[in-house]
Protein backbone atom coordinates (compact mmCIF):
# COMPACT_ATOMS: atom_id res chain seq x y z
CA MET A 1 -1.98 -57.09 24.97
CA SER A 2 0.62 -58.68 22.76
CA PHE A 3 4.30 -57.83 22.80
CA THR A 4 5.25 -58.33 19.14
CA THR A 5 3.97 -57.77 15.60
CA ILE A 6 2.88 -59.87 12.66
CA ASP A 7 5.85 -58.52 10.68
CA ALA A 8 8.31 -59.73 13.31
CA VAL A 9 6.77 -63.20 13.38
CA ALA A 10 6.58 -63.53 9.58
CA ALA A 11 10.23 -62.44 9.29
CA HIS A 12 11.24 -65.82 10.74
CA TYR A 13 10.22 -67.34 7.39
CA PRO A 14 11.67 -65.30 4.51
CA GLY A 15 9.78 -67.36 1.95
CA PHE A 16 6.40 -66.62 3.55
CA LEU A 17 4.59 -64.06 1.40
CA ARG A 18 2.21 -61.66 3.07
CA GLY A 19 -0.35 -59.47 1.38
CA VAL A 20 -1.00 -61.84 -1.50
CA ALA A 21 -4.38 -63.18 -2.54
CA ASN A 22 -5.38 -66.20 -0.49
CA GLN A 23 -2.50 -65.77 1.97
CA ASN A 24 -2.40 -68.88 4.14
CA PRO A 25 -2.30 -68.53 7.07
CA SER A 26 -3.92 -65.13 7.18
CA ASP A 27 -2.68 -62.15 9.16
CA ALA A 28 -5.71 -62.61 11.42
CA GLN A 29 -4.57 -66.16 12.21
CA ILE A 30 -1.02 -65.02 12.93
CA GLN A 31 -2.35 -62.26 15.20
CA SER A 32 -4.41 -64.88 17.01
CA TRP A 33 -1.27 -66.94 17.64
CA ILE A 34 0.53 -63.82 18.89
CA ASP A 35 -2.35 -63.03 21.25
CA ASN A 36 -2.50 -66.62 22.52
CA GLN A 37 1.22 -66.67 23.23
CA ALA A 38 0.98 -63.28 24.98
CA ALA A 39 -1.85 -64.61 27.15
CA ARG A 40 0.31 -67.59 28.17
CA ILE A 41 3.24 -65.32 29.00
CA THR A 42 1.03 -63.00 31.03
CA ALA A 43 -0.61 -65.88 32.90
CA LEU A 44 2.74 -67.45 33.79
CA ALA A 45 4.07 -64.12 35.02
CA ALA A 46 0.90 -63.37 37.02
CA ALA A 47 1.11 -66.77 38.69
CA ARG A 48 4.55 -65.73 39.91
CA GLY A 49 3.39 -62.32 41.10
CA TYR A 50 4.58 -60.14 38.20
CA ASP A 51 2.50 -57.45 36.49
CA LEU A 52 3.84 -57.35 32.95
CA THR A 53 1.97 -54.17 32.04
CA ASP A 54 3.96 -52.15 34.56
CA LEU A 55 7.16 -54.10 34.00
CA ALA A 56 7.17 -53.66 30.21
CA ALA A 57 6.20 -49.98 30.43
CA ASN A 58 8.95 -49.12 32.91
CA ASN A 59 11.78 -51.35 31.77
CA PRO A 60 12.87 -51.31 28.10
CA GLN A 61 14.90 -54.50 28.52
CA ALA A 62 11.88 -56.30 29.90
CA GLN A 63 9.82 -55.14 26.91
CA VAL A 64 12.44 -56.48 24.50
CA LEU A 65 12.56 -59.83 26.30
CA LEU A 66 8.76 -60.14 26.33
CA ALA A 67 8.63 -59.29 22.62
CA LEU A 68 11.25 -61.95 21.86
CA ILE A 69 9.42 -64.64 23.84
CA ASN A 70 6.11 -63.68 22.21
CA GLU A 71 7.65 -63.56 18.73
CA ASN A 72 9.36 -66.95 19.03
CA GLY A 73 6.23 -68.65 20.35
CA ALA A 74 4.06 -67.29 17.55
CA ALA A 75 6.76 -68.08 14.96
CA ALA A 76 6.71 -71.68 16.17
CA ASP A 77 2.94 -71.74 15.63
CA LEU A 78 3.41 -70.32 12.13
CA GLY A 79 6.09 -72.91 11.41
CA ASP A 80 3.76 -75.70 12.56
CA ALA A 81 1.13 -74.44 10.12
């Protein structure tokens, strides 16, 4: 379960064009970075005794914070590429 979208991550780089032929990196790659960052976030929270599924579903502020952390991590991966 990821907490953000490809659109939100790509928005960090206004010059990055999506939906064009031979887009590099692909949306699939960006989604992979999002999923990897979400897995890290979830693992860190679980190690500290938090269940993010319940937390995000029941607390809108928590959902926004998780989305921001996920988005920034994946945007860093996109920037590195």
